[in-house]
Amino acid sequence: MSDGLPMRVPAPGLPARVRIHEVGPRDGLQNEPGTVPTEVKAEFIRRLAGAGLGTVEATSFVHPKWVPQLADAERLYPLVSGLDVRLPVLVPNERGLERALALGAREVAVFASATESFSRANLNRTVDEALAMFEPVVARAKAEGLAVRGYLSMCFGDPWEGPVPLAQVVRVTRRLADLGCDELSLGDTIGVATPGHVTALLTALDEAGLPASRLAVHFHDTYGQALANTLAALQHGVTTVDASAGGLGGCPYAKSATGNLATEDLVWMLHGLGIETGVDLGRLTATSVWMAEELGRPSPSRTVRALSHKE
């Protein structure tokens, strides 16, 4: 392992390739206590693209009052829009979509909740009111030829409501699909999922006409379960996994939640399983080390720590 790569030992029943949906520049940086300079964000995105990540979620066109860390979306997006990668952006409403369209964005995402408590905390709306708000956004985006992703948070547990019934998650996921979302990302926002729970939800969604080919998974590592949960999803046929370079980010409304699944930790596991990602782990690790220095603290990713300490 002197080259910083695991021994490749494939396991049966897994996909040959996984698309990593990198969320660090948006989901990671939006929860930083300070504001990262626009040029640093742009360089972060360029380096991630240079490391082979083909999808990098760039920013969010949300009102600056709500997420001041991403208030520079109009300045940032033109700095990276020429990159030869997919650059989805989050749009909370029609105004956000207008801003994204004006800059030539080709992929957008909306962010819903499976639970009433989190929907009220995050969007100040009930689940049904939030879906009604998204309906014209998704319709307009589709009419403009954009790809639309639907994020669904609190799919496994909620800090106020506790465990979330499978049927409740299936209902809201189905509604997002019916609005026209091409891909649905299932979020374990407070990191309480375990592999059997993941399998049960994916099975229930499949039975509701939402196959693994339309789904992505987005795990947090609060209890150290993110990789185990990802493996369960891969065994079920999911081939799109959300991750954040260096493990940046968390949920501001989930006080105990640690960051997102670190992209480096995911890549290490996938490469060890012989699954193609297109990612250069060395370049990705170097990017996260650089970003950690910019933020003034070490990366929580175990793979980043292990590989950077070898140098």
Protein backbone atom coordinates (compact mmCIF):
# COMPACT_ATOMS: atom_id res chain seq x y z
CA MET A 1 0.00 0.00 0.00
CA SER A 2 2.98 2.27 -0.49
CA ASP A 3 1.14 4.01 -3.32
CA GLY A 4 -1.61 5.12 -0.94
CA LEU A 5 -4.18 2.76 -2.41
CA PRO A 6 -5.91 -0.26 -0.89
CA MET A 7 -5.52 -3.76 -2.27
CA ARG A 8 -8.36 -4.39 -4.72
CA VAL A 9 -10.50 -7.35 -3.70
CA PRO A 10 -13.91 -7.25 -5.43
CA ALA A 11 -17.00 -8.52 -3.63
CA PRO A 12 -19.97 -10.11 -5.42
CA GLY A 13 -23.21 -8.29 -6.12
CA LEU A 14 -21.81 -4.76 -6.29
CA PRO A 15 -21.92 -2.22 -9.13
CA ALA A 16 -18.90 -1.90 -11.41
CA ARG A 17 -18.91 1.89 -11.13
CA VAL A 18 -20.24 4.45 -8.67
CA ARG A 19 -20.88 8.13 -9.37
CA ILE A 20 -19.82 10.27 -6.44
CA HIS A 21 -21.95 13.37 -6.00
CA GLU A 22 -19.50 15.74 -4.30
CA VAL A 23 -21.28 18.14 -1.94
CA GLY A 24 -18.36 19.77 -0.10
CA PRO A 25 -18.46 23.22 -1.73
CA ARG A 26 -22.16 23.60 -0.99
CA ASP A 27 -23.26 21.33 1.87
CA GLY A 28 -19.84 21.42 3.51
CA LEU A 29 -19.09 25.13 3.41
CA GLN A 30 -22.62 26.35 4.15
CA ASN A 31 -22.20 25.28 7.79
CA GLU A 32 -18.84 26.91 8.36
CA PRO A 33 -18.82 29.47 11.20
CA GLY A 34 -16.98 31.92 8.96
CA THR A 35 -17.31 32.86 5.31
CA VAL A 36 -14.80 31.31 2.92
CA PRO A 37 -13.53 33.77 0.26
CA THR A 38 -15.11 33.31 -3.16
CA GLU A 39 -11.80 32.64 -4.91
CA VAL A 40 -10.94 29.94 -2.36
CA LYS A 41 -14.29 28.27 -3.04
CA ALA A 42 -13.65 28.45 -6.78
CA GLU A 43 -10.19 26.93 -6.35
CA PHE A 44 -11.70 24.18 -4.17
CA ILE A 45 -14.15 23.30 -6.96
CA ARG A 46 -11.38 23.39 -9.59
CA ARG A 47 -9.20 21.06 -7.52
CA LEU A 48 -12.08 18.66 -6.91
CA ALA A 49 -12.75 18.55 -10.64
CA GLY A 50 -9.04 18.03 -11.25
CA ALA A 51 -9.10 15.05 -8.89
CA GLY A 52 -11.62 13.36 -11.16
CA LEU A 53 -14.91 14.13 -9.48
CA GLY A 54 -17.40 14.46 -12.32
CA THR A 55 -20.20 16.00 -10.23
CA VAL A 56 -19.44 18.88 -7.87
CA GLU A 57 -22.34 20.70 -6.22
CA ALA A 58 -21.18 24.28 -6.48
CA THR A 59 -23.42 26.48 -4.35
CA SER A 60 -26.96 27.38 -3.32
CA PHE A 61 -29.10 30.21 -4.62
CA VAL A 62 -30.77 30.70 -1.26
CA HIS A 63 -31.47 34.11 0.27
CA PRO A 64 -28.21 35.45 1.77
CA LYS A 65 -30.00 36.14 5.06
CA TRP A 66 -30.56 32.42 5.60
CA VAL A 67 -27.18 31.10 4.45
CA PRO A 68 -24.69 33.99 4.49
CA GLN A 69 -21.81 31.57 3.77
CA LEU A 70 -23.20 31.11 0.24
CA ALA A 71 -24.22 34.71 -0.41
CA ASP A 72 -21.62 34.90 -3.20
CA ALA A 73 -23.37 32.42 -5.52
CA GLU A 74 -23.61 34.98 -8.35
CA ARG A 75 -19.90 35.71 -8.13
CA LEU A 76 -18.79 32.11 -7.65
CA TYR A 77 -20.70 30.28 -10.35
CA PRO A 78 -19.18 32.16 -13.35
CA LEU A 79 -15.69 31.39 -11.99
CA VAL A 80 -16.26 27.65 -12.34
CA SER A 81 -18.98 27.30 -14.99
CA GLY A 82 -16.42 26.54 -17.71
CA LEU A 83 -15.22 23.36 -16.00
CA ASP A 84 -15.96 20.12 -17.82
CA VAL A 85 -17.95 18.63 -14.93
CA ARG A 86 -21.54 18.62 -13.75
CA LEU A 87 -22.12 21.62 -11.46
CA PRO A 88 -25.54 21.30 -9.83
CA VAL A 89 -26.80 24.09 -7.58
CA LEU A 90 -29.46 24.16 -4.89
CA VAL A 91 -32.51 26.33 -5.52
CA PRO A 92 -34.99 26.80 -2.66
CA ASN A 93 -37.74 28.53 -4.63
CA GLU A 94 -38.65 30.20 -7.92
CA ARG A 95 -36.46 33.22 -7.20
CA GLY A 96 -33.49 30.95 -6.61
CA LEU A 97 -34.19 29.16 -9.88
CA GLU A 98 -34.34 32.47 -11.76
CA ARG A 99 -30.92 33.40 -10.38
CA ALA A 100 -29.47 30.01 -11.37
CA LEU A 101 -30.96 30.15 -14.87
CA ALA A 102 -29.56 33.65 -15.42
CA LEU A 103 -26.06 32.22 -14.92
CA GLY A 104 -26.59 29.25 -17.21
CA ALA A 105 -26.92 26.49 -14.61
CA ARG A 106 -27.95 23.17 -16.17
CA GLU A 107 -28.68 21.15 -13.04
CA VAL A 108 -30.58 22.19 -9.95
CA ALA A 109 -31.75 20.59 -6.73
CA VAL A 110 -34.60 21.21 -4.29
CA PHE A 111 -34.40 20.27 -0.62
CA ALA A 112 -37.40 18.71 1.10
CA SER A 113 -37.90 16.94 4.42
CA ALA A 114 -39.53 13.63 5.27
CA THR A 115 -40.68 15.03 8.62
CA GLU A 116 -42.94 17.89 9.64
CA SER A 117 -40.64 19.09 12.44
CA PHE A 118 -37.59 19.51 10.25
CA SER A 119 -39.62 21.01 7.40
CA ARG A 120 -40.86 23.70 9.78
CA ALA A 121 -37.39 24.28 11.26
CA ASN A 122 -35.60 24.40 7.91
CA LEU A 123 -38.22 25.82 5.53
CA ASN A 124 -40.83 27.29 7.89
CA ARG A 125 -43.43 25.22 6.04
CA THR A 126 -45.26 21.94 6.45
CA VAL A 127 -44.12 19.08 4.22
CA ASP A 128 -47.10 19.59 1.91
CA GLU A 129 -46.54 23.37 1.78
CA ALA A 130 -42.89 22.81 0.89
CA LEU A 131 -43.81 20.39 -1.88
CA ALA A 132 -46.33 22.90 -3.21
CA MET A 133 -43.57 25.53 -3.26
CA PHE A 134 -41.29 23.19 -5.19
CA GLU A 135 -43.88 22.22 -7.79
CA PRO A 136 -43.53 25.31 -10.04
CA VAL A 137 -39.75 25.30 -9.48
CA VAL A 138 -39.37 21.74 -10.76
CA ALA A 139 -41.86 22.32 -13.60
CA ARG A 140 -40.01 25.43 -14.79
CA ALA A 141 -36.62 23.75 -14.52
CA LYS A 142 -37.81 20.76 -16.52
CA ALA A 143 -39.36 23.07 -19.14
CA GLU A 144 -35.95 24.74 -19.45
CA GLY A 145 -34.32 21.36 -20.03
CA LEU A 146 -32.57 21.18 -16.67
CA ALA A 147 -31.90 18.04 -14.68
CA VAL A 148 -33.53 18.20 -11.25
CA ARG A 149 -32.48 16.41 -8.08
CA GLY A 150 -34.73 16.13 -5.06
CA TYR A 151 -33.03 15.99 -1.67
CA LEU A 152 -35.02 14.39 1.12
CA SER A 153 -33.69 14.96 4.61
CA MET A 154 -34.50 13.06 7.83
CA CYS A 155 -35.18 9.78 6.02
CA PHE A 156 -34.09 7.62 8.96
CA GLY A 157 -34.46 9.71 12.09
CA ASP A 158 -35.40 13.20 13.24
CA PRO A 159 -34.02 15.04 16.31
CA TRP A 160 -37.54 16.02 17.39
CA GLU A 161 -39.65 13.11 16.16
CA GLY A 162 -37.28 10.18 16.59
CA PRO A 163 -37.40 7.23 14.17
CA VAL A 164 -39.19 8.03 10.91
CA PRO A 165 -41.70 5.43 9.61
CA LEU A 166 -40.75 3.91 6.26
CA ALA A 167 -44.18 4.68 4.80
CA GLN A 168 -43.76 8.36 5.60
CA VAL A 169 -40.44 8.50 3.74
CA VAL A 170 -41.87 6.57 0.80
CA ARG A 171 -44.83 8.97 0.56
CA VAL A 172 -42.70 12.11 0.38
CA THR A 173 -40.13 10.50 -1.96
CA ARG A 174 -42.96 9.45 -4.27
CA ARG A 175 -44.32 13.01 -4.23
CA LEU A 176 -40.91 14.43 -5.20
CA ALA A 177 -40.67 11.90 -8.03
CA ASP A 178 -44.16 12.79 -9.23
CA LEU A 179 -43.20 16.49 -9.29
CA GLY A 180 -40.58 15.53 -11.89
CA CYS A 181 -37.34 15.10 -9.95
CA ASP A 182 -34.97 12.93 -11.99
CA GLU A 183 -32.93 11.76 -9.01
CA LEU A 184 -33.84 11.44 -5.35
CA SER A 185 -31.18 11.70 -2.66
CA LEU A 186 -32.08 10.02 0.63
CA GLY A 187 -30.52 11.85 3.55
CA ASP A 188 -29.61 10.40 6.94
CA THR A 189 -29.36 13.91 8.31
CA ILE A 190 -28.53 13.03 11.93
CA GLY A 191 -26.61 9.85 11.11
CA VAL A 192 -28.80 7.32 12.93
CA ALA A 193 -29.32 4.80 10.10
CA THR A 194 -27.95 1.27 10.25
CA PRO A 195 -27.56 -1.14 7.31
CA GLY A 196 -30.76 -3.12 7.90
CA HIS A 197 -32.75 0.12 8.04
CA VAL A 198 -31.18 1.24 4.76
CA THR A 199 -32.08 -2.04 3.07
CA ALA A 200 -35.64 -1.89 4.40
CA LEU A 201 -36.19 1.64 3.09
CA LEU A 202 -34.70 0.88 -0.33
CA THR A 203 -36.89 -2.23 -0.57
CA ALA A 204 -40.00 -0.22 0.35
CA LEU A 205 -39.14 2.43 -2.24
CA ASP A 206 -38.60 -0.24 -4.89
CA GLU A 207 -42.02 -1.68 -4.11
CA ALA A 208 -43.47 1.82 -4.52
CA GLY A 209 -42.05 2.08 -8.05
CA LEU A 210 -38.87 3.95 -7.14
CA PRO A 211 -35.99 1.68 -8.17
CA ALA A 212 -32.40 2.07 -7.04
CA SER A 213 -31.50 3.55 -10.44
CA ARG A 214 -33.38 6.75 -9.48
CA LEU A 215 -31.91 7.01 -6.00
CA ALA A 216 -28.81 8.39 -4.33
CA VAL A 217 -27.80 8.07 -0.69
CA HIS A 218 -26.46 10.79 1.60
CA PHE A 219 -25.12 9.52 4.90
CA HIS A 220 -23.73 11.31 7.94
CA ASP A 221 -21.21 9.60 10.17
CA THR A 222 -22.51 10.55 13.62
CA TYR A 223 -22.34 6.96 14.89
CA GLY A 224 -19.68 5.72 12.49
CA GLN A 225 -22.22 3.98 10.25
CA ALA A 226 -21.87 5.93 6.99
CA LEU A 227 -19.65 3.44 5.12
CA ALA A 228 -21.59 0.42 6.36
CA ASN A 229 -24.81 2.08 5.24
CA THR A 230 -23.28 2.93 1.88
CA LEU A 231 -22.26 -0.68 1.35
CA ALA A 232 -25.81 -1.80 2.12
CA ALA A 233 -27.10 0.66 -0.48
CA LEU A 234 -24.60 -0.56 -3.08
CA GLN A 235 -25.68 -4.14 -2.43
CA HIS A 236 -29.24 -3.01 -3.17
CA GLY A 237 -28.17 -1.52 -6.52
CA VAL A 238 -27.68 2.16 -5.71
CA THR A 239 -24.86 3.62 -7.84
CA THR A 240 -24.87 7.31 -6.78
CA VAL A 241 -23.41 8.26 -3.42
CA ASP A 242 -23.18 11.75 -1.93
CA ALA A 243 -20.00 12.62 -0.07
CA SER A 244 -18.08 15.67 1.06
CA ALA A 245 -14.35 16.14 0.52
CA GLY A 246 -12.53 15.94 3.81
CA GLY A 247 -15.79 15.22 5.65
CA LEU A 248 -16.84 18.88 5.62
CA GLY A 249 -20.29 19.85 6.74
CA GLY A 250 -23.09 18.74 8.98
CA CYS A 251 -26.63 19.75 9.75
CA PRO A 252 -27.11 23.01 11.66
CA TYR A 253 -30.42 21.75 13.08
CA ALA A 254 -29.01 18.39 14.21
CA LYS A 255 -26.81 19.39 17.11
CA SER A 256 -25.13 16.02 17.54
CA ALA A 257 -24.50 15.34 13.86
CA THR A 258 -20.93 15.08 12.72
CA GLY A 259 -20.06 15.81 9.15
CA ASN A 260 -21.00 14.16 5.93
CA LEU A 261 -19.38 10.95 4.79
CA ALA A 262 -15.86 11.95 3.73
CA THR A 263 -15.28 11.49 0.00
CA GLU A 264 -11.79 10.08 0.65
CA ASP A 265 -13.13 7.42 3.02
CA LEU A 266 -15.73 6.45 0.42
CA VAL A 267 -13.16 6.31 -2.39
CA TRP A 268 -10.83 4.15 -0.30
CA MET A 269 -13.61 1.61 0.26
CA LEU A 270 -14.84 1.67 -3.33
CA HIS A 271 -11.36 1.26 -4.79
CA GLY A 272 -10.68 -1.60 -2.40
CA LEU A 273 -13.83 -3.27 -3.72
CA GLY A 274 -12.66 -2.81 -7.30
CA ILE A 275 -15.42 -0.29 -8.03
CA GLU A 276 -14.50 2.44 -10.50
CA THR A 277 -15.00 6.07 -9.50
CA GLY A 278 -12.71 8.02 -11.82
CA VAL A 279 -11.23 9.73 -8.75
CA ASP A 280 -7.52 10.16 -8.08
CA LEU A 281 -7.35 9.57 -4.33
CA GLY A 282 -3.94 11.24 -3.96
CA ARG A 283 -5.09 14.46 -5.63
CA LEU A 284 -8.35 14.42 -3.70
CA THR A 285 -6.53 13.98 -0.39
CA ALA A 286 -4.16 16.83 -1.24
CA THR A 287 -7.19 19.01 -2.00
CA SER A 288 -8.74 18.29 1.38
CA VAL A 289 -5.45 18.92 3.18
CA TRP A 290 -5.24 22.28 1.38
CA MET A 291 -8.85 23.13 2.27
CA ALA A 292 -8.32 22.15 5.90
CA GLU A 293 -5.41 24.59 6.01
CA GLU A 294 -7.62 27.31 4.52
CA LEU A 295 -10.22 26.62 7.22
CA GLY A 296 -7.61 26.46 9.96
CA ARG A 297 -8.36 23.00 11.29
CA PRO A 298 -7.53 19.37 10.42
CA SER A 299 -9.80 17.26 8.24
CA PRO A 300 -11.98 14.78 10.15
CA SER A 301 -11.55 12.23 7.34
CA ARG A 302 -9.62 9.21 8.58
CA THR A 303 -8.30 8.49 5.10
CA VAL A 304 -7.05 12.06 4.71
CA ARG A 305 -5.28 11.81 8.05
CA ALA A 306 -3.79 8.40 7.29
CA LEU A 307 -2.50 9.32 3.80
CA SER A 308 -1.28 12.80 4.69
CA HIS A 309 0.67 11.50 7.71
CA LYS A 310 2.55 9.07 5.45
CA GLU A 311 4.16 11.90 3.55
